[in-house]
Amino acid sequence: MRALPFKVVLVTDRAACATRGRGVVETVARALDGLDARSVAVLYRDKAWSADKNLPVVAALRTLCRRSGASVLVHTHVFMATSLGLLGAHLASEALKDDGELALCRSLLLEGALLGASAHAGDVIPATLDYAFLSPVFAPTSKPDDVRAPLGLEGLRAACAATTTPIVALGGVDEHHARACFDAGAQAVAVLGGVMGARDPRGALRRLLAAVA
């Protein structure tokens, strides 16, 4: 099993940032301020905006993250991962059912770039992926209307044992039970609203990193 180059993935969310009167780049800058972030990856995701609007934001995040050692993943827009030299690209869960799409996306990435996707309970995770987000592990704070039952630690443990693809635990993960996700077999944890919508993104991210150190 390939070891992931990150322990924490910060998933961007424009709406969560807006609740604090901030943009995505400003929020990520606050979260990474003064941090040795070599164990952090920032996954940029904005399904509402076009590729043309997303591209300059992703480019700004790349510049910002390089200063602190963090890496950048991009959701959906595989060409951005290649053109900007990012760590890799992330696909929606629908891609798990399409081997052709996975193969095409892989062919578009630079050698060594990561290809990941979102997954949920019952999904078959292809061994061709470099990692998969598995959610929701706990009740997600950023999606209170999510009707999917949380997997819990035992569900996470079973899913990790059933695949050779590294698992990233997502959904309600915070500093109180992040370490337990690693103990259950996850290689990394992902957080969205807990940092992007936090009053103090810097403190929130540091507490999470301390929990998984």
C-alpha atoms as a PDB file:
ATOM      1  CA  MET A   1       0.000   0.000   0.000  1.00  0.00           C
ATOM      2  CA  ARG A   2       1.341   3.402  -1.004  1.00  0.00           C
ATOM      3  CA  ALA A   3       1.960   5.770   1.912  1.00  0.00           C
ATOM      4  CA  LEU A   4       0.251   9.133   1.552  1.00  0.00           C
ATOM      5  CA  PRO A   5       2.378  12.302   1.748  1.00  0.00           C
ATOM      6  CA  PHE A   6      -0.138  14.029   4.039  1.00  0.00           C
ATOM      7  CA  LYS A   7      -1.953  13.382   7.308  1.00  0.00           C
ATOM      8  CA  VAL A   8      -4.593  16.108   7.130  1.00  0.00           C
ATOM      9  CA  VAL A   9      -6.571  17.297   4.120  1.00  0.00           C
ATOM     10  CA  LEU A  10      -8.175  20.719   4.359  1.00  0.00           C
ATOM     11  CA  VAL A  11     -11.163  20.716   1.996  1.00  0.00           C
ATOM     12  CA  THR A  12     -12.151  24.199   0.870  1.00  0.00           C
ATOM     13  CA  ASP A  13     -15.709  25.462   1.105  1.00  0.00           C
ATOM     14  CA  ARG A  14     -16.631  28.936  -0.106  1.00  0.00           C
ATOM     15  CA  ALA A  15     -19.953  28.988   1.786  1.00  0.00           C
ATOM     16  CA  ALA A  16     -18.321  28.080   5.110  1.00  0.00           C
ATOM     17  CA  CYS A  17     -15.730  30.829   4.619  1.00  0.00           C
ATOM     18  CA  ALA A  18     -18.454  33.349   3.800  1.00  0.00           C
ATOM     19  CA  THR A  19     -20.102  32.798   7.181  1.00  0.00           C
ATOM     20  CA  ARG A  20     -16.982  34.431   8.649  1.00  0.00           C
ATOM     21  CA  GLY A  21     -16.784  37.140   5.999  1.00  0.00           C
ATOM     22  CA  ARG A  22     -13.721  35.587   4.386  1.00  0.00           C
ATOM     23  CA  GLY A  23     -12.774  34.103   1.021  1.00  0.00           C
ATOM     24  CA  VAL A  24     -11.163  30.713   0.467  1.00  0.00           C
ATOM     25  CA  VAL A  25      -7.621  31.973  -0.111  1.00  0.00           C
ATOM     26  CA  GLU A  26      -7.753  34.235   2.944  1.00  0.00           C
ATOM     27  CA  THR A  27      -9.042  31.386   5.119  1.00  0.00           C
ATOM     28  CA  VAL A  28      -6.351  28.967   3.956  1.00  0.00           C
ATOM     29  CA  ALA A  29      -3.723  31.672   4.509  1.00  0.00           C
ATOM     30  CA  ARG A  30      -4.927  32.143   8.075  1.00  0.00           C
ATOM     31  CA  ALA A  31      -4.978  28.402   8.714  1.00  0.00           C
ATOM     32  CA  LEU A  32      -1.422  27.896   7.430  1.00  0.00           C
ATOM     33  CA  ASP A  33       0.054  31.064   8.941  1.00  0.00           C
ATOM     34  CA  GLY A  34       3.403  30.264  10.527  1.00  0.00           C
ATOM     35  CA  LEU A  35       2.891  26.517  10.145  1.00  0.00           C
ATOM     36  CA  ASP A  36       5.270  23.869   8.859  1.00  0.00           C
ATOM     37  CA  ALA A  37       2.528  22.308   6.751  1.00  0.00           C
ATOM     38  CA  ARG A  38       4.366  19.485   5.010  1.00  0.00           C
ATOM     39  CA  SER A  39       1.786  17.034   6.395  1.00  0.00           C
ATOM     40  CA  VAL A  40      -1.150  19.087   5.050  1.00  0.00           C
ATOM     41  CA  ALA A  41      -2.868  18.927   1.678  1.00  0.00           C
ATOM     42  CA  VAL A  42      -5.435  21.505   0.597  1.00  0.00           C
ATOM     43  CA  LEU A  43      -8.186  20.097  -1.624  1.00  0.00           C
ATOM     44  CA  TYR A  44      -9.776  22.896  -3.621  1.00  0.00           C
ATOM     45  CA  ARG A  45     -13.402  22.156  -4.421  1.00  0.00           C
ATOM     46  CA  ASP A  46     -15.996  24.493  -5.844  1.00  0.00           C
ATOM     47  CA  LYS A  47     -18.595  22.767  -7.995  1.00  0.00           C
ATOM     48  CA  ALA A  48     -20.660  25.923  -8.477  1.00  0.00           C
ATOM     49  CA  TRP A  49     -17.946  27.911 -10.238  1.00  0.00           C
ATOM     50  CA  SER A  50     -16.707  27.371 -13.784  1.00  0.00           C
ATOM     51  CA  ALA A  51     -13.183  26.224 -14.552  1.00  0.00           C
ATOM     52  CA  ASP A  52     -12.318  29.766 -15.661  1.00  0.00           C
ATOM     53  CA  LYS A  53     -13.293  31.179 -12.265  1.00  0.00           C
ATOM     54  CA  ASN A  54     -11.637  28.364 -10.322  1.00  0.00           C
ATOM     55  CA  LEU A  55      -8.281  28.460 -12.096  1.00  0.00           C
ATOM     56  CA  PRO A  56      -6.915  31.718 -10.593  1.00  0.00           C
ATOM     57  CA  VAL A  57      -8.005  30.621  -7.117  1.00  0.00           C
ATOM     58  CA  VAL A  58      -6.199  27.298  -7.477  1.00  0.00           C
ATOM     59  CA  ALA A  59      -3.108  29.092  -8.760  1.00  0.00           C
ATOM     60  CA  ALA A  60      -3.181  31.447  -5.767  1.00  0.00           C
ATOM     61  CA  LEU A  61      -3.508  28.486  -3.397  1.00  0.00           C
ATOM     62  CA  ARG A  62      -0.540  26.782  -5.044  1.00  0.00           C
ATOM     63  CA  THR A  63       1.636  29.837  -4.436  1.00  0.00           C
ATOM     64  CA  LEU A  64       0.385  30.201  -0.872  1.00  0.00           C
ATOM     65  CA  CYS A  65       0.828  26.546   0.029  1.00  0.00           C
ATOM     66  CA  ARG A  66       4.343  26.332  -1.349  1.00  0.00           C
ATOM     67  CA  ARG A  67       5.479  28.861   1.250  1.00  0.00           C
ATOM     68  CA  SER A  68       4.410  26.609   4.122  1.00  0.00           C
ATOM     69  CA  GLY A  69       5.190  23.240   2.545  1.00  0.00           C
ATOM     70  CA  ALA A  70       1.547  22.244   2.068  1.00  0.00           C
ATOM     71  CA  SER A  71       0.460  20.565  -1.155  1.00  0.00           C
ATOM     72  CA  VAL A  72      -2.617  21.181  -3.305  1.00  0.00           C
ATOM     73  CA  LEU A  73      -5.184  18.805  -4.772  1.00  0.00           C
ATOM     74  CA  VAL A  74      -7.978  19.945  -7.064  1.00  0.00           C
ATOM     75  CA  HIS A  75     -11.468  18.508  -7.348  1.00  0.00           C
ATOM     76  CA  THR A  76     -12.755  17.553 -10.822  1.00  0.00           C
ATOM     77  CA  HIS A  77     -10.462  19.767 -12.937  1.00  0.00           C
ATOM     78  CA  VAL A  78      -7.717  17.271 -13.732  1.00  0.00           C
ATOM     79  CA  PHE A  79      -6.127  19.592 -16.279  1.00  0.00           C
ATOM     80  CA  MET A  80      -5.388  22.104 -13.497  1.00  0.00           C
ATOM     81  CA  ALA A  81      -3.460  19.488 -11.555  1.00  0.00           C
ATOM     82  CA  THR A  82      -1.285  18.945 -14.615  1.00  0.00           C
ATOM     83  CA  SER A  83      -0.920  22.527 -15.836  1.00  0.00           C
ATOM     84  CA  LEU A  84      -0.141  23.882 -12.348  1.00  0.00           C
ATOM     85  CA  GLY A  85       1.992  20.957 -11.194  1.00  0.00           C
ATOM     86  CA  LEU A  86      -0.247  20.095  -8.243  1.00  0.00           C
ATOM     87  CA  LEU A  87      -0.040  17.030  -6.024  1.00  0.00           C
ATOM     88  CA  GLY A  88      -2.996  15.497  -7.829  1.00  0.00           C
ATOM     89  CA  ALA A  89      -6.693  15.471  -8.628  1.00  0.00           C
ATOM     90  CA  HIS A  90      -9.793  14.287  -6.810  1.00  0.00           C
ATOM     91  CA  LEU A  91     -12.937  12.892  -8.429  1.00  0.00           C
ATOM     92  CA  ALA A  92     -16.562  12.590  -7.328  1.00  0.00           C
ATOM     93  CA  SER A  93     -17.876   9.207  -6.173  1.00  0.00           C
ATOM     94  CA  GLU A  94     -19.614   8.629  -9.518  1.00  0.00           C
ATOM     95  CA  ALA A  95     -16.195   8.036 -11.070  1.00  0.00           C
ATOM     96  CA  LEU A  96     -15.813   4.841  -9.031  1.00  0.00           C
ATOM     97  CA  LYS A  97     -18.274   3.154 -11.373  1.00  0.00           C
ATOM     98  CA  ASP A  98     -16.475   4.188 -14.564  1.00  0.00           C
ATOM     99  CA  ASP A  99     -13.129   2.503 -15.183  1.00  0.00           C
ATOM    100  CA  GLY A 100     -12.821   4.435 -18.419  1.00  0.00           C
ATOM    101  CA  GLU A 101     -13.024   7.790 -16.654  1.00  0.00           C
ATOM    102  CA  LEU A 102     -10.471   6.716 -14.074  1.00  0.00           C
ATOM    103  CA  ALA A 103      -8.087   5.565 -16.791  1.00  0.00           C
ATOM    104  CA  LEU A 104      -8.543   8.802 -18.751  1.00  0.00           C
ATOM    105  CA  CYS A 105      -7.935  10.981 -15.701  1.00  0.00           C
ATOM    106  CA  ARG A 106      -4.846   8.984 -14.820  1.00  0.00           C
ATOM    107  CA  SER A 107      -3.496   9.449 -18.347  1.00  0.00           C
ATOM    108  CA  LEU A 108      -3.930  13.228 -18.066  1.00  0.00           C
ATOM    109  CA  LEU A 109      -1.937  13.519 -14.835  1.00  0.00           C
ATOM    110  CA  LEU A 110       1.789  13.981 -14.597  1.00  0.00           C
ATOM    111  CA  GLU A 111       3.840  10.987 -13.558  1.00  0.00           C
ATOM    112  CA  GLY A 112       3.731  10.610  -9.788  1.00  0.00           C
ATOM    113  CA  ALA A 113       0.631  12.781  -9.329  1.00  0.00           C
ATOM    114  CA  LEU A 114      -2.082  11.340  -7.115  1.00  0.00           C
ATOM    115  CA  LEU A 115      -5.569  10.369  -8.242  1.00  0.00           C
ATOM    116  CA  GLY A 116      -8.222  10.100  -5.543  1.00  0.00           C
ATOM    117  CA  ALA A 117     -11.976   9.937  -5.301  1.00  0.00           C
ATOM    118  CA  SER A 118     -14.819  10.183  -2.821  1.00  0.00           C
ATOM    119  CA  ALA A 119     -16.469   6.997  -1.568  1.00  0.00           C
ATOM    120  CA  HIS A 120     -19.307   6.042   0.726  1.00  0.00           C
ATOM    121  CA  ALA A 121     -20.514   2.918   2.505  1.00  0.00           C
ATOM    122  CA  GLY A 122     -20.929   0.034   0.086  1.00  0.00           C
ATOM    123  CA  ASP A 123     -18.810   1.520  -2.690  1.00  0.00           C
ATOM    124  CA  VAL A 124     -16.159  -0.659  -4.291  1.00  0.00           C
ATOM    125  CA  ILE A 125     -12.895   1.275  -4.180  1.00  0.00           C
ATOM    126  CA  PRO A 126     -10.695   0.550  -7.215  1.00  0.00           C
ATOM    127  CA  ALA A 127      -7.121  -0.446  -6.458  1.00  0.00           C
ATOM    128  CA  THR A 128      -6.040   1.917  -9.244  1.00  0.00           C
ATOM    129  CA  LEU A 129      -6.728   4.924  -6.999  1.00  0.00           C
ATOM    130  CA  ASP A 130      -3.958   6.381  -4.855  1.00  0.00           C
ATOM    131  CA  TYR A 131      -6.411   7.196  -2.073  1.00  0.00           C
ATOM    132  CA  ALA A 132     -10.127   7.450  -1.352  1.00  0.00           C
ATOM    133  CA  PHE A 133     -12.103   9.721   0.934  1.00  0.00           C
ATOM    134  CA  LEU A 134     -14.560   7.668   2.975  1.00  0.00           C
ATOM    135  CA  SER A 135     -17.542   9.490   4.454  1.00  0.00           C
ATOM    136  CA  PRO A 136     -19.342  10.167   6.612  1.00  0.00           C
ATOM    137  CA  VAL A 137     -17.357   8.613   9.448  1.00  0.00           C
ATOM    138  CA  PHE A 138     -19.133  10.798  12.002  1.00  0.00           C
ATOM    139  CA  ALA A 139     -22.077  13.143  11.589  1.00  0.00           C
ATOM    140  CA  PRO A 140     -20.755  15.966   9.361  1.00  0.00           C
ATOM    141  CA  THR A 141     -21.103  19.457  10.798  1.00  0.00           C
ATOM    142  CA  SER A 142     -20.944  21.033   7.335  1.00  0.00           C
ATOM    143  CA  LYS A 143     -23.804  18.880   5.973  1.00  0.00           C
ATOM    144  CA  PRO A 144     -26.452  18.646   8.718  1.00  0.00           C
ATOM    145  CA  ASP A 145     -29.009  17.431   6.159  1.00  0.00           C
ATOM    146  CA  ASP A 146     -26.862  14.445   5.085  1.00  0.00           C
ATOM    147  CA  VAL A 147     -29.181  11.415   5.420  1.00  0.00           C
ATOM    148  CA  ARG A 148     -26.408   8.809   5.217  1.00  0.00           C
ATOM    149  CA  ALA A 149     -25.793   6.996   8.488  1.00  0.00           C
ATOM    150  CA  PRO A 150     -22.303   7.649   9.891  1.00  0.00           C
ATOM    151  CA  LEU A 151     -19.957   4.677   9.571  1.00  0.00           C
ATOM    152  CA  GLY A 152     -18.445   5.139  12.997  1.00  0.00           C
ATOM    153  CA  LEU A 153     -15.006   3.832  13.897  1.00  0.00           C
ATOM    154  CA  GLU A 154     -15.966   0.197  13.430  1.00  0.00           C
ATOM    155  CA  GLY A 155     -17.327   0.888   9.959  1.00  0.00           C
ATOM    156  CA  LEU A 156     -14.159   2.786   9.127  1.00  0.00           C
ATOM    157  CA  ARG A 157     -12.047  -0.080  10.425  1.00  0.00           C
ATOM    158  CA  ALA A 158     -13.924  -2.602   8.292  1.00  0.00           C
ATOM    159  CA  ALA A 159     -13.634  -0.455   5.172  1.00  0.00           C
ATOM    160  CA  CYS A 160      -9.900   0.062   5.650  1.00  0.00           C
ATOM    161  CA  ALA A 161      -9.389  -3.680   6.108  1.00  0.00           C
ATOM    162  CA  ALA A 162     -11.328  -4.432   2.908  1.00  0.00           C
ATOM    163  CA  THR A 163      -9.136  -2.410   0.535  1.00  0.00           C
ATOM    164  CA  THR A 164      -5.498  -1.865  -0.315  1.00  0.00           C
ATOM    165  CA  THR A 165      -6.242   1.758  -1.253  1.00  0.00           C
ATOM    166  CA  PRO A 166      -5.270   4.280   1.447  1.00  0.00           C
ATOM    167  CA  ILE A 167      -8.350   5.715   3.160  1.00  0.00           C
ATOM    168  CA  VAL A 168      -8.875   9.331   4.212  1.00  0.00           C
ATOM    169  CA  ALA A 169     -11.563   9.657   6.886  1.00  0.00           C
ATOM    170  CA  LEU A 170     -14.046  12.478   6.275  1.00  0.00           C
ATOM    171  CA  GLY A 171     -17.203  13.662   7.993  1.00  0.00           C
ATOM    172  CA  GLY A 172     -17.361  15.189  11.451  1.00  0.00           C
ATOM    173  CA  VAL A 173     -13.676  14.539  12.123  1.00  0.00           C
ATOM    174  CA  ASP A 174     -12.113  16.876  14.686  1.00  0.00           C
ATOM    175  CA  GLU A 175      -9.250  16.865  17.167  1.00  0.00           C
ATOM    176  CA  HIS A 176     -11.226  14.758  19.650  1.00  0.00           C
ATOM    177  CA  HIS A 177     -11.380  11.609  17.538  1.00  0.00           C
ATOM    178  CA  ALA A 178      -8.926  12.161  14.670  1.00  0.00           C
ATOM    179  CA  ARG A 179      -6.316   9.934  16.314  1.00  0.00           C
ATOM    180  CA  ALA A 180      -8.885   7.153  16.597  1.00  0.00           C
ATOM    181  CA  CYS A 181      -9.396   7.279  12.812  1.00  0.00           C
ATOM    182  CA  PHE A 182      -5.723   6.486  12.315  1.00  0.00           C
ATOM    183  CA  ASP A 183      -5.950   3.676  14.850  1.00  0.00           C
ATOM    184  CA  ALA A 184      -8.860   2.275  12.806  1.00  0.00           C
ATOM    185  CA  GLY A 185      -6.689   2.113   9.693  1.00  0.00           C
ATOM    186  CA  ALA A 186      -7.066   5.496   7.969  1.00  0.00           C
ATOM    187  CA  GLN A 187      -3.895   7.060   6.601  1.00  0.00           C
ATOM    188  CA  ALA A 188      -5.237  10.608   6.842  1.00  0.00           C
ATOM    189  CA  VAL A 189      -8.224  12.648   7.959  1.00  0.00           C
ATOM    190  CA  ALA A 190     -10.052  15.404   6.102  1.00  0.00           C
ATOM    191  CA  VAL A 191     -11.773  18.448   7.556  1.00  0.00           C
ATOM    192  CA  LEU A 192     -14.043  21.019   5.944  1.00  0.00           C
ATOM    193  CA  GLY A 193     -16.243  23.234   8.078  1.00  0.00           C
ATOM    194  CA  GLY A 194     -14.173  22.668  11.211  1.00  0.00           C
ATOM    195  CA  VAL A 195     -11.430  24.859   9.747  1.00  0.00           C
ATOM    196  CA  MET A 196     -12.973  26.718   6.824  1.00  0.00           C
ATOM    197  CA  GLY A 197     -15.843  27.967   8.957  1.00  0.00           C
ATOM    198  CA  ALA A 198     -13.874  28.386  12.178  1.00  0.00           C
ATOM    199  CA  ARG A 199     -13.504  31.727  13.896  1.00  0.00           C
ATOM    200  CA  ASP A 200      -9.813  30.859  14.301  1.00  0.00           C
ATOM    201  CA  PRO A 201      -8.718  28.657  11.358  1.00  0.00           C
ATOM    202  CA  ARG A 202      -5.108  28.701  12.537  1.00  0.00           C
ATOM    203  CA  GLY A 203      -5.967  27.338  15.970  1.00  0.00           C
ATOM    204  CA  ALA A 204      -8.413  24.768  14.586  1.00  0.00           C
ATOM    205  CA  LEU A 205      -5.868  23.330  12.159  1.00  0.00           C
ATOM    206  CA  ARG A 206      -3.104  23.249  14.764  1.00  0.00           C
ATOM    207  CA  ARG A 207      -5.257  21.356  17.219  1.00  0.00           C
ATOM    208  CA  LEU A 208      -6.092  18.792  14.564  1.00  0.00           C
ATOM    209  CA  LEU A 209      -2.448  18.372  13.568  1.00  0.00           C
ATOM    210  CA  ALA A 210      -1.420  17.992  17.197  1.00  0.00           C
ATOM    211  CA  ALA A 211      -3.995  15.253  17.623  1.00  0.00           C
ATOM    212  CA  VAL A 212      -2.590  13.157  14.768  1.00  0.00           C
ATOM    213  CA  ALA A 213       1.120  13.900  15.310  1.00  0.00           C
END
